[in-house]
All heavy atoms as atom14 arrays in JSON, in Angstrom:
{
  "sequence": "TGVQAAQVTINVSIGTPATPGFPTAQPEEVSPVYWDLHTTKRDQAEL",
  "atom14_mask": [
    [1, 1, 1, 1, 1, 1, 1, 0, 0, 0, 0, 0, 0, 0],
    [1, 1, 1, 1, 0, 0, 0, 0, 0, 0, 0, 0, 0, 0],
    [1, 1, 1, 1, 1, 1, 1, 0, 0, 0, 0, 0, 0, 0],
    [1, 1, 1, 1, 1, 1, 1, 1, 1, 0, 0, 0, 0, 0],
    [1, 1, 1, 1, 1, 0, 0, 0, 0, 0, 0, 0, 0, 0],
    [1, 1, 1, 1, 1, 0, 0, 0, 0, 0, 0, 0, 0, 0],
    [1, 1, 1, 1, 1, 1, 1, 1, 1, 0, 0, 0, 0, 0],
    [1, 1, 1, 1, 1, 1, 1, 0, 0, 0, 0, 0, 0, 0],
    [1, 1, 1, 1, 1, 1, 1, 0, 0, 0, 0, 0, 0, 0],
    [1, 1, 1, 1, 1, 1, 1, 1, 0, 0, 0, 0, 0, 0],
    [1, 1, 1, 1, 1, 1, 1, 1, 0, 0, 0, 0, 0, 0],
    [1, 1, 1, 1, 1, 1, 1, 0, 0, 0, 0, 0, 0, 0],
    [1, 1, 1, 1, 1, 1, 0, 0, 0, 0, 0, 0, 0, 0],
    [1, 1, 1, 1, 1, 1, 1, 1, 0, 0, 0, 0, 0, 0],
    [1, 1, 1, 1, 0, 0, 0, 0, 0, 0, 0, 0, 0, 0],
    [1, 1, 1, 1, 1, 1, 1, 0, 0, 0, 0, 0, 0, 0],
    [1, 1, 1, 1, 1, 1, 1, 0, 0, 0, 0, 0, 0, 0],
    [1, 1, 1, 1, 1, 0, 0, 0, 0, 0, 0, 0, 0, 0],
    [1, 1, 1, 1, 1, 1, 1, 0, 0, 0, 0, 0, 0, 0],
    [1, 1, 1, 1, 1, 1, 1, 0, 0, 0, 0, 0, 0, 0],
    [1, 1, 1, 1, 0, 0, 0, 0, 0, 0, 0, 0, 0, 0],
    [1, 1, 1, 1, 1, 1, 1, 1, 1, 1, 1, 0, 0, 0],
    [1, 1, 1, 1, 1, 1, 1, 0, 0, 0, 0, 0, 0, 0],
    [1, 1, 1, 1, 1, 1, 1, 0, 0, 0, 0, 0, 0, 0],
    [1, 1, 1, 1, 1, 0, 0, 0, 0, 0, 0, 0, 0, 0],
    [1, 1, 1, 1, 1, 1, 1, 1, 1, 0, 0, 0, 0, 0],
    [1, 1, 1, 1, 1, 1, 1, 0, 0, 0, 0, 0, 0, 0],
    [1, 1, 1, 1, 1, 1, 1, 1, 1, 0, 0, 0, 0, 0],
    [1, 1, 1, 1, 1, 1, 1, 1, 1, 0, 0, 0, 0, 0],
    [1, 1, 1, 1, 1, 1, 1, 0, 0, 0, 0, 0, 0, 0],
    [1, 1, 1, 1, 1, 1, 0, 0, 0, 0, 0, 0, 0, 0],
    [1, 1, 1, 1, 1, 1, 1, 0, 0, 0, 0, 0, 0, 0],
    [1, 1, 1, 1, 1, 1, 1, 0, 0, 0, 0, 0, 0, 0],
    [1, 1, 1, 1, 1, 1, 1, 1, 1, 1, 1, 1, 0, 0],
    [1, 1, 1, 1, 1, 1, 1, 1, 1, 1, 1, 1, 1, 1],
    [1, 1, 1, 1, 1, 1, 1, 1, 0, 0, 0, 0, 0, 0],
    [1, 1, 1, 1, 1, 1, 1, 1, 0, 0, 0, 0, 0, 0],
    [1, 1, 1, 1, 1, 1, 1, 1, 1, 1, 0, 0, 0, 0],
    [1, 1, 1, 1, 1, 1, 1, 0, 0, 0, 0, 0, 0, 0],
    [1, 1, 1, 1, 1, 1, 1, 0, 0, 0, 0, 0, 0, 0],
    [1, 1, 1, 1, 1, 1, 1, 1, 1, 0, 0, 0, 0, 0],
    [1, 1, 1, 1, 1, 1, 1, 1, 1, 1, 1, 0, 0, 0],
    [1, 1, 1, 1, 1, 1, 1, 1, 0, 0, 0, 0, 0, 0],
    [1, 1, 1, 1, 1, 1, 1, 1, 1, 0, 0, 0, 0, 0],
    [1, 1, 1, 1, 1, 0, 0, 0, 0, 0, 0, 0, 0, 0],
    [1, 1, 1, 1, 1, 1, 1, 1, 1, 0, 0, 0, 0, 0],
    [1, 1, 1, 1, 1, 1, 1, 1, 0, 0, 0, 0, 0, 0]
  ],
  "atom14_positions": [
    [[19.95, -150.88, 184.09], [20.07, -149.64, 184.84], [18.81, -148.8, 184.79], [18.69, -147.81, 185.51], [21.22, -148.76, 184.3], [20.9, -148.33, 182.97], [22.55, -149.51, 184.29], [0.0, 0.0, 0.0], [0.0, 0.0, 0.0], [0.0, 0.0, 0.0], [0.0, 0.0, 0.0], [0.0, 0.0, 0.0], [0.0, 0.0, 0.0], [0.0, 0.0, 0.0]],
    [[17.87, -149.17, 183.89], [16.67, -148.36, 183.72], [16.84, -147.27, 182.64], [15.9, -146.56, 182.34], [0.0, 0.0, 0.0], [0.0, 0.0, 0.0], [0.0, 0.0, 0.0], [0.0, 0.0, 0.0], [0.0, 0.0, 0.0], [0.0, 0.0, 0.0], [0.0, 0.0, 0.0], [0.0, 0.0, 0.0], [0.0, 0.0, 0.0], [0.0, 0.0, 0.0]],
    [[18.03, -147.16, 182.11], [18.32, -146.19, 181.05], [18.39, -146.95, 179.72], [19.06, -147.98, 179.63], [19.64, -145.45, 181.29], [19.96, -144.5, 180.15], [19.57, -144.7, 182.61], [0.0, 0.0, 0.0], [0.0, 0.0, 0.0], [0.0, 0.0, 0.0], [0.0, 0.0, 0.0], [0.0, 0.0, 0.0], [0.0, 0.0, 0.0], [0.0, 0.0, 0.0]],
    [[17.73, -146.44, 178.72], [17.74, -147.11, 177.41], [18.52, -146.27, 176.41], [18.26, -145.09, 176.26], [16.3, -147.29, 176.9], [16.24, -147.97, 175.56], [14.83, -147.99, 174.98], [13.99, -147.22, 175.38], [14.61, -148.88, 174.04], [0.0, 0.0, 0.0], [0.0, 0.0, 0.0], [0.0, 0.0, 0.0], [0.0, 0.0, 0.0], [0.0, 0.0, 0.0]],
    [[19.45, -146.91, 175.72], [20.18, -146.28, 174.62], [19.73, -147.03, 173.37], [19.96, -148.24, 173.28], [21.66, -146.37, 174.82], [0.0, 0.0, 0.0], [0.0, 0.0, 0.0], [0.0, 0.0, 0.0], [0.0, 0.0, 0.0], [0.0, 0.0, 0.0], [0.0, 0.0, 0.0], [0.0, 0.0, 0.0], [0.0, 0.0, 0.0], [0.0, 0.0, 0.0]],
    [[19.09, -146.34, 172.45], [18.58, -146.99, 171.25], [18.44, -145.96, 170.13], [18.5, -144.78, 170.39], [17.23, -147.64, 171.54], [0.0, 0.0, 0.0], [0.0, 0.0, 0.0], [0.0, 0.0, 0.0], [0.0, 0.0, 0.0], [0.0, 0.0, 0.0], [0.0, 0.0, 0.0], [0.0, 0.0, 0.0], [0.0, 0.0, 0.0], [0.0, 0.0, 0.0]],
    [[18.27, -146.49, 168.93], [18.11, -145.59, 167.79], [17.09, -146.16, 166.82], [16.87, -147.34, 166.77], [19.43, -145.37, 167.07], [19.95, -146.61, 166.36], [21.3, -146.36, 165.73], [22.02, -145.45, 166.1], [21.63, -147.19, 164.76], [0.0, 0.0, 0.0], [0.0, 0.0, 0.0], [0.0, 0.0, 0.0], [0.0, 0.0, 0.0], [0.0, 0.0, 0.0]],
    [[16.51, -145.23, 166.05], [15.62, -145.61, 164.96], [16.31, -145.21, 163.68], [16.7, -144.05, 163.52], [14.25, -144.9, 165.08], [13.38, -145.2, 163.87], [13.52, -145.35, 166.36], [0.0, 0.0, 0.0], [0.0, 0.0, 0.0], [0.0, 0.0, 0.0], [0.0, 0.0, 0.0], [0.0, 0.0, 0.0], [0.0, 0.0, 0.0], [0.0, 0.0, 0.0]],
    [[16.49, -146.16, 162.81], [17.07, -145.9, 161.49], [15.92, -145.69, 160.53], [15.02, -146.52, 160.43], [17.95, -147.07, 161.02], [18.99, -147.24, 161.98], [18.54, -146.8, 159.65], [0.0, 0.0, 0.0], [0.0, 0.0, 0.0], [0.0, 0.0, 0.0], [0.0, 0.0, 0.0], [0.0, 0.0, 0.0], [0.0, 0.0, 0.0], [0.0, 0.0, 0.0]],
    [[15.91, -144.57, 159.82], [14.81, -144.24, 158.9], [15.34, -144.39, 157.5], [16.25, -143.69, 157.08], [14.3, -142.81, 159.16], [13.81, -142.69, 160.6], [13.18, -142.46, 158.18], [13.45, -141.29, 161.04], [0.0, 0.0, 0.0], [0.0, 0.0, 0.0], [0.0, 0.0, 0.0], [0.0, 0.0, 0.0], [0.0, 0.0, 0.0], [0.0, 0.0, 0.0]],
    [[14.76, -145.31, 156.77], [15.22, -145.69, 155.46], [14.41, -145.04, 154.34], [14.3, -145.61, 153.25], [15.12, -147.22, 155.33], [16.37, -147.85, 154.83], [17.36, -147.17, 154.64], [16.32, -149.14, 154.58], [0.0, 0.0, 0.0], [0.0, 0.0, 0.0], [0.0, 0.0, 0.0], [0.0, 0.0, 0.0], [0.0, 0.0, 0.0], [0.0, 0.0, 0.0]],
    [[13.83, -143.88, 154.59], [13.03, -143.15, 153.63], [13.24, -141.66, 153.8], [13.81, -141.22, 154.79], [11.51, -143.45, 153.8], [11.19, -144.9, 153.62], [11.01, -142.96, 155.16], [0.0, 0.0, 0.0], [0.0, 0.0, 0.0], [0.0, 0.0, 0.0], [0.0, 0.0, 0.0], [0.0, 0.0, 0.0], [0.0, 0.0, 0.0], [0.0, 0.0, 0.0]],
    [[12.79, -140.88, 152.82], [12.75, -139.42, 153.01], [11.47, -139.1, 153.76], [10.43, -139.74, 153.56], [12.7, -138.7, 151.66], [13.91, -138.8, 150.98], [0.0, 0.0, 0.0], [0.0, 0.0, 0.0], [0.0, 0.0, 0.0], [0.0, 0.0, 0.0], [0.0, 0.0, 0.0], [0.0, 0.0, 0.0], [0.0, 0.0, 0.0], [0.0, 0.0, 0.0]],
    [[11.53, -138.13, 154.63], [10.34, -137.72, 155.37], [9.76, -136.5, 154.66], [10.43, -135.48, 154.5], [10.67, -137.41, 156.84], [11.19, -138.68, 157.5], [9.44, -136.9, 157.55], [11.66, -138.49, 158.91], [0.0, 0.0, 0.0], [0.0, 0.0, 0.0], [0.0, 0.0, 0.0], [0.0, 0.0, 0.0], [0.0, 0.0, 0.0], [0.0, 0.0, 0.0]],
    [[8.51, -136.64, 154.23], [7.85, -135.56, 153.51], [8.18, -135.6, 152.04], [7.79, -136.51, 151.32], [0.0, 0.0, 0.0], [0.0, 0.0, 0.0], [0.0, 0.0, 0.0], [0.0, 0.0, 0.0], [0.0, 0.0, 0.0], [0.0, 0.0, 0.0], [0.0, 0.0, 0.0], [0.0, 0.0, 0.0], [0.0, 0.0, 0.0], [0.0, 0.0, 0.0]],
    [[8.96, -134.65, 151.57], [9.33, -134.52, 150.17], [10.52, -135.44, 149.87], [11.49, -135.44, 150.63], [9.71, -133.08, 149.83], [8.64, -132.21, 150.21], [9.97, -132.9, 148.36], [0.0, 0.0, 0.0], [0.0, 0.0, 0.0], [0.0, 0.0, 0.0], [0.0, 0.0, 0.0], [0.0, 0.0, 0.0], [0.0, 0.0, 0.0], [0.0, 0.0, 0.0]],
    [[10.47, -136.17, 148.76], [11.6, -137.08, 148.46], [12.89, -136.3, 148.2], [12.9, -135.27, 147.53], [11.16, -137.84, 147.22], [10.05, -137.07, 146.63], [9.44, -136.27, 147.74], [0.0, 0.0, 0.0], [0.0, 0.0, 0.0], [0.0, 0.0, 0.0], [0.0, 0.0, 0.0], [0.0, 0.0, 0.0], [0.0, 0.0, 0.0], [0.0, 0.0, 0.0]],
    [[13.99, -136.79, 148.75], [15.3, -136.17, 148.5], [15.77, -136.42, 147.08], [16.43, -135.59, 146.48], [16.33, -136.72, 149.5], [0.0, 0.0, 0.0], [0.0, 0.0, 0.0], [0.0, 0.0, 0.0], [0.0, 0.0, 0.0], [0.0, 0.0, 0.0], [0.0, 0.0, 0.0], [0.0, 0.0, 0.0], [0.0, 0.0, 0.0], [0.0, 0.0, 0.0]],
    [[15.4, -137.56, 146.56], [15.75, -137.95, 145.19], [14.47, -138.44, 144.52], [13.73, -139.2, 145.13], [16.78, -139.1, 145.2], [17.9, -138.7, 145.99], [17.22, -139.46, 143.81], [0.0, 0.0, 0.0], [0.0, 0.0, 0.0], [0.0, 0.0, 0.0], [0.0, 0.0, 0.0], [0.0, 0.0, 0.0], [0.0, 0.0, 0.0], [0.0, 0.0, 0.0]],
    [[14.19, -137.99, 143.31], [12.97, -138.45, 142.64], [12.88, -140.0, 142.62], [13.86, -140.67, 142.33], [13.1, -137.9, 141.22], [13.99, -136.7, 141.38], [14.95, -137.07, 142.47], [0.0, 0.0, 0.0], [0.0, 0.0, 0.0], [0.0, 0.0, 0.0], [0.0, 0.0, 0.0], [0.0, 0.0, 0.0], [0.0, 0.0, 0.0], [0.0, 0.0, 0.0]],
    [[11.74, -140.48, 143.02], [11.51, -141.93, 143.06], [11.91, -142.6, 144.35], [11.63, -143.76, 144.57], [0.0, 0.0, 0.0], [0.0, 0.0, 0.0], [0.0, 0.0, 0.0], [0.0, 0.0, 0.0], [0.0, 0.0, 0.0], [0.0, 0.0, 0.0], [0.0, 0.0, 0.0], [0.0, 0.0, 0.0], [0.0, 0.0, 0.0], [0.0, 0.0, 0.0]],
    [[12.61, -141.87, 145.25], [13.01, -142.44, 146.53], [11.79, -142.56, 147.44], [10.93, -141.68, 147.44], [14.08, -141.53, 147.18], [14.81, -142.17, 148.32], [15.82, -143.1, 148.06], [14.5, -141.87, 149.63], [16.51, -143.71, 149.09], [15.19, -142.45, 150.68], [16.21, -143.39, 150.41], [0.0, 0.0, 0.0], [0.0, 0.0, 0.0], [0.0, 0.0, 0.0]],
    [[11.65, -143.62, 148.2], [10.49, -143.8, 149.05], [10.35, -142.67, 150.07], [11.34, -142.13, 150.56], [10.74, -145.12, 149.79], [11.9, -145.75, 149.12], [12.61, -144.73, 148.31], [0.0, 0.0, 0.0], [0.0, 0.0, 0.0], [0.0, 0.0, 0.0], [0.0, 0.0, 0.0], [0.0, 0.0, 0.0], [0.0, 0.0, 0.0], [0.0, 0.0, 0.0]],
    [[9.11, -142.32, 150.37], [8.82, -141.28, 151.36], [7.84, -141.76, 152.39], [7.15, -142.76, 152.2], [8.24, -140.02, 150.69], [6.98, -140.38, 150.11], [9.18, -139.44, 149.66], [0.0, 0.0, 0.0], [0.0, 0.0, 0.0], [0.0, 0.0, 0.0], [0.0, 0.0, 0.0], [0.0, 0.0, 0.0], [0.0, 0.0, 0.0], [0.0, 0.0, 0.0]],
    [[7.8, -141.07, 153.51], [6.83, -141.33, 154.57], [6.53, -140.0, 155.25], [7.32, -139.06, 155.2], [7.37, -142.32, 155.58], [0.0, 0.0, 0.0], [0.0, 0.0, 0.0], [0.0, 0.0, 0.0], [0.0, 0.0, 0.0], [0.0, 0.0, 0.0], [0.0, 0.0, 0.0], [0.0, 0.0, 0.0], [0.0, 0.0, 0.0], [0.0, 0.0, 0.0]],
    [[5.4, -139.95, 155.9], [5.02, -138.79, 156.65], [5.44, -138.99, 158.12], [5.55, -140.13, 158.6], [3.51, -138.56, 156.56], [3.02, -138.24, 155.17], [3.75, -137.04, 154.56], [3.84, -135.99, 155.2], [4.27, -137.21, 153.36], [0.0, 0.0, 0.0], [0.0, 0.0, 0.0], [0.0, 0.0, 0.0], [0.0, 0.0, 0.0], [0.0, 0.0, 0.0]],
    [[5.67, -137.9, 158.87], [6.1, -138.02, 160.27], [5.15, -138.91, 161.09], [5.61, -139.67, 161.94], [6.1, -136.58, 160.78], [6.29, -135.75, 159.55], [5.6, -136.49, 158.44], [0.0, 0.0, 0.0], [0.0, 0.0, 0.0], [0.0, 0.0, 0.0], [0.0, 0.0, 0.0], [0.0, 0.0, 0.0], [0.0, 0.0, 0.0], [0.0, 0.0, 0.0]],
    [[3.86, -138.79, 160.83], [2.91, -139.6, 161.63], [3.04, -141.09, 161.33], [2.55, -141.92, 162.12], [1.47, -139.11, 161.45], [0.99, -139.1, 160.03], [1.24, -137.78, 159.3], [2.03, -136.94, 159.76], [0.64, -137.62, 158.23], [0.0, 0.0, 0.0], [0.0, 0.0, 0.0], [0.0, 0.0, 0.0], [0.0, 0.0, 0.0], [0.0, 0.0, 0.0]],
    [[3.68, -141.46, 160.24], [3.93, -142.87, 159.96], [5.19, -143.36, 160.69], [5.29, -144.54, 161.05], [4.14, -143.09, 158.46], [2.92, -142.79, 157.61], [3.23, -142.91, 156.14], [3.75, -141.91, 155.56], [2.99, -143.98, 155.58], [0.0, 0.0, 0.0], [0.0, 0.0, 0.0], [0.0, 0.0, 0.0], [0.0, 0.0, 0.0], [0.0, 0.0, 0.0]],
    [[6.12, -142.48, 160.9], [7.39, -142.83, 161.54], [7.29, -142.82, 163.06], [7.88, -143.67, 163.75], [8.51, -141.87, 161.08], [9.85, -142.21, 161.75], [8.65, -141.91, 159.56], [0.0, 0.0, 0.0], [0.0, 0.0, 0.0], [0.0, 0.0, 0.0], [0.0, 0.0, 0.0], [0.0, 0.0, 0.0], [0.0, 0.0, 0.0], [0.0, 0.0, 0.0]],
    [[6.53, -141.89, 163.61], [6.5, -141.71, 165.06], [6.09, -142.94, 165.86], [6.65, -143.15, 166.95], [5.62, -140.51, 165.43], [4.3, -140.71, 165.0], [0.0, 0.0, 0.0], [0.0, 0.0, 0.0], [0.0, 0.0, 0.0], [0.0, 0.0, 0.0], [0.0, 0.0, 0.0], [0.0, 0.0, 0.0], [0.0, 0.0, 0.0], [0.0, 0.0, 0.0]],
    [[5.21, -143.81, 165.39], [4.89, -145.01, 166.17], [6.08, -145.93, 166.4], [6.14, -146.63, 167.42], [3.81, -145.71, 165.35], [3.16, -144.66, 164.55], [4.29, -143.7, 164.24], [0.0, 0.0, 0.0], [0.0, 0.0, 0.0], [0.0, 0.0, 0.0], [0.0, 0.0, 0.0], [0.0, 0.0, 0.0], [0.0, 0.0, 0.0], [0.0, 0.0, 0.0]],
    [[7.05, -145.9, 165.51], [8.25, -146.72, 165.71], [9.02, -146.26, 166.93], [9.49, -147.06, 167.73], [9.14, -146.69, 164.44], [10.4, -147.49, 164.64], [8.36, -147.2, 163.24], [0.0, 0.0, 0.0], [0.0, 0.0, 0.0], [0.0, 0.0, 0.0], [0.0, 0.0, 0.0], [0.0, 0.0, 0.0], [0.0, 0.0, 0.0], [0.0, 0.0, 0.0]],
    [[9.13, -144.93, 167.1], [9.78, -144.39, 168.29], [9.02, -144.76, 169.55], [9.61, -145.14, 170.57], [9.9, -142.86, 168.19], [10.99, -142.37, 167.27], [10.73, -142.13, 165.94], [12.28, -142.19, 167.74], [11.72, -141.68, 165.08], [13.29, -141.75, 166.91], [12.99, -141.5, 165.58], [13.99, -141.07, 164.74], [0.0, 0.0, 0.0], [0.0, 0.0, 0.0]],
    [[7.69, -144.65, 169.49], [6.88, -144.97, 170.65], [7.02, -146.44, 171.02], [7.17, -146.79, 172.2], [5.42, -144.61, 170.4], [4.57, -144.79, 171.61], [3.58, -145.72, 171.8], [4.63, -144.03, 172.81], [3.04, -145.58, 173.04], [3.68, -144.55, 173.7], [5.42, -142.96, 173.24], [3.46, -144.04, 174.96], [5.21, -142.44, 174.52], [4.24, -142.99, 175.34]],
    [[6.99, -147.34, 170.04], [7.19, -148.76, 170.31], [8.52, -149.04, 170.93], [8.63, -149.82, 171.88], [7.06, -149.6, 169.02], [5.63, -149.72, 168.52], [4.69, -149.42, 169.3], [5.46, -150.12, 167.37], [0.0, 0.0, 0.0], [0.0, 0.0, 0.0], [0.0, 0.0, 0.0], [0.0, 0.0, 0.0], [0.0, 0.0, 0.0], [0.0, 0.0, 0.0]],
    [[9.57, -148.41, 170.44], [10.9, -148.62, 170.98], [10.97, -148.13, 172.43], [11.57, -148.8, 173.28], [11.93, -147.83, 170.14], [13.4, -148.04, 170.48], [13.81, -149.51, 170.33], [14.25, -147.16, 169.59], [0.0, 0.0, 0.0], [0.0, 0.0, 0.0], [0.0, 0.0, 0.0], [0.0, 0.0, 0.0], [0.0, 0.0, 0.0], [0.0, 0.0, 0.0]],
    [[10.28, -147.06, 172.73], [10.29, -146.5, 174.09], [9.43, -147.31, 175.05], [9.78, -147.48, 176.21], [9.8, -145.06, 174.05], [9.59, -144.45, 175.4], [10.64, -144.14, 176.26], [8.46, -144.09, 176.03], [10.14, -143.64, 177.36], [8.83, -143.59, 177.26], [0.0, 0.0, 0.0], [0.0, 0.0, 0.0], [0.0, 0.0, 0.0], [0.0, 0.0, 0.0]],
    [[8.3, -147.83, 174.59], [7.35, -148.47, 175.5], [7.38, -149.97, 175.55], [7.26, -150.56, 176.61], [5.91, -148.02, 175.16], [5.61, -148.4, 173.83], [5.72, -146.52, 175.36], [0.0, 0.0, 0.0], [0.0, 0.0, 0.0], [0.0, 0.0, 0.0], [0.0, 0.0, 0.0], [0.0, 0.0, 0.0], [0.0, 0.0, 0.0], [0.0, 0.0, 0.0]],
    [[7.5, -150.63, 174.41], [7.34, -152.08, 174.41], [8.58, -152.84, 173.92], [8.64, -154.06, 174.07], [6.15, -152.51, 173.52], [6.37, -152.1, 172.18], [4.84, -151.93, 174.03], [0.0, 0.0, 0.0], [0.0, 0.0, 0.0], [0.0, 0.0, 0.0], [0.0, 0.0, 0.0], [0.0, 0.0, 0.0], [0.0, 0.0, 0.0], [0.0, 0.0, 0.0]],
    [[9.54, -152.17, 173.34], [10.7, -152.85, 172.81], [12.0, -152.33, 173.42], [13.0, -152.13, 172.77], [10.73, -152.7, 171.28], [9.5, -153.35, 170.64], [9.51, -153.22, 169.15], [8.27, -153.91, 168.61], [8.11, -153.77, 167.19], [0.0, 0.0, 0.0], [0.0, 0.0, 0.0], [0.0, 0.0, 0.0], [0.0, 0.0, 0.0], [0.0, 0.0, 0.0]],
    [[11.94, -152.16, 174.75], [13.08, -151.58, 175.45], [14.3, -152.49, 175.46], [15.39, -152.05, 175.78], [12.66, -151.18, 176.86], [11.63, -150.06, 176.85], [11.34, -149.54, 178.23], [12.47, -148.93, 178.87], [12.89, -147.68, 178.68], [12.29, -146.89, 177.83], [13.94, -147.22, 179.33], [0.0, 0.0, 0.0], [0.0, 0.0, 0.0], [0.0, 0.0, 0.0]],
    [[14.12, -153.73, 175.1], [15.25, -154.67, 175.05], [16.02, -154.57, 173.72], [17.06, -155.21, 173.57], [14.76, -156.08, 175.26], [13.77, -156.54, 174.2], [13.02, -155.7, 173.67], [13.74, -157.74, 173.9], [0.0, 0.0, 0.0], [0.0, 0.0, 0.0], [0.0, 0.0, 0.0], [0.0, 0.0, 0.0], [0.0, 0.0, 0.0], [0.0, 0.0, 0.0]],
    [[15.54, -153.75, 172.81], [16.18, -153.65, 171.49], [17.01, -152.35, 171.42], [16.61, -151.31, 171.95], [15.14, -153.67, 170.38], [14.39, -154.99, 170.33], [13.45, -155.07, 169.19], [13.66, -154.45, 168.15], [12.36, -155.81, 169.36], [0.0, 0.0, 0.0], [0.0, 0.0, 0.0], [0.0, 0.0, 0.0], [0.0, 0.0, 0.0], [0.0, 0.0, 0.0]],
    [[18.14, -152.45, 170.72], [19.0, -151.27, 170.56], [18.68, -150.48, 169.3], [19.04, -149.32, 169.19], [20.45, -151.72, 170.51], [0.0, 0.0, 0.0], [0.0, 0.0, 0.0], [0.0, 0.0, 0.0], [0.0, 0.0, 0.0], [0.0, 0.0, 0.0], [0.0, 0.0, 0.0], [0.0, 0.0, 0.0], [0.0, 0.0, 0.0], [0.0, 0.0, 0.0]],
    [[17.98, -151.12, 168.34], [17.7, -150.43, 167.09], [16.44, -150.97, 166.45], [16.17, -152.17, 166.48], [18.86, -150.63, 166.11], [18.64, -149.96, 164.77], [19.79, -150.16, 163.79], [20.39, -151.23, 163.82], [20.04, -149.23, 163.04], [0.0, 0.0, 0.0], [0.0, 0.0, 0.0], [0.0, 0.0, 0.0], [0.0, 0.0, 0.0], [0.0, 0.0, 0.0]],
    [[15.67, -150.07, 165.86], [14.55, -150.43, 165.0], [14.75, -149.73, 163.68], [15.3, -148.61, 163.63], [13.2, -150.01, 165.61], [12.74, -150.8, 166.83], [11.43, -150.24, 167.34], [12.61, -152.28, 166.55], [0.0, 0.0, 0.0], [0.0, 0.0, 0.0], [0.0, 0.0, 0.0], [0.0, 0.0, 0.0], [0.0, 0.0, 0.0], [0.0, 0.0, 0.0]]
  ]
}
């Protein structure tokens, strides 16, 4: 239909860890995943 329904599952805390020792990432590390899903991986429902 030209409409994409998809989601990105984030398996880390963004910025400050929610729990000590839990993996973290910065927003600029996560954002390319959204861009890839939107531009080159439109056939996928989840990344």
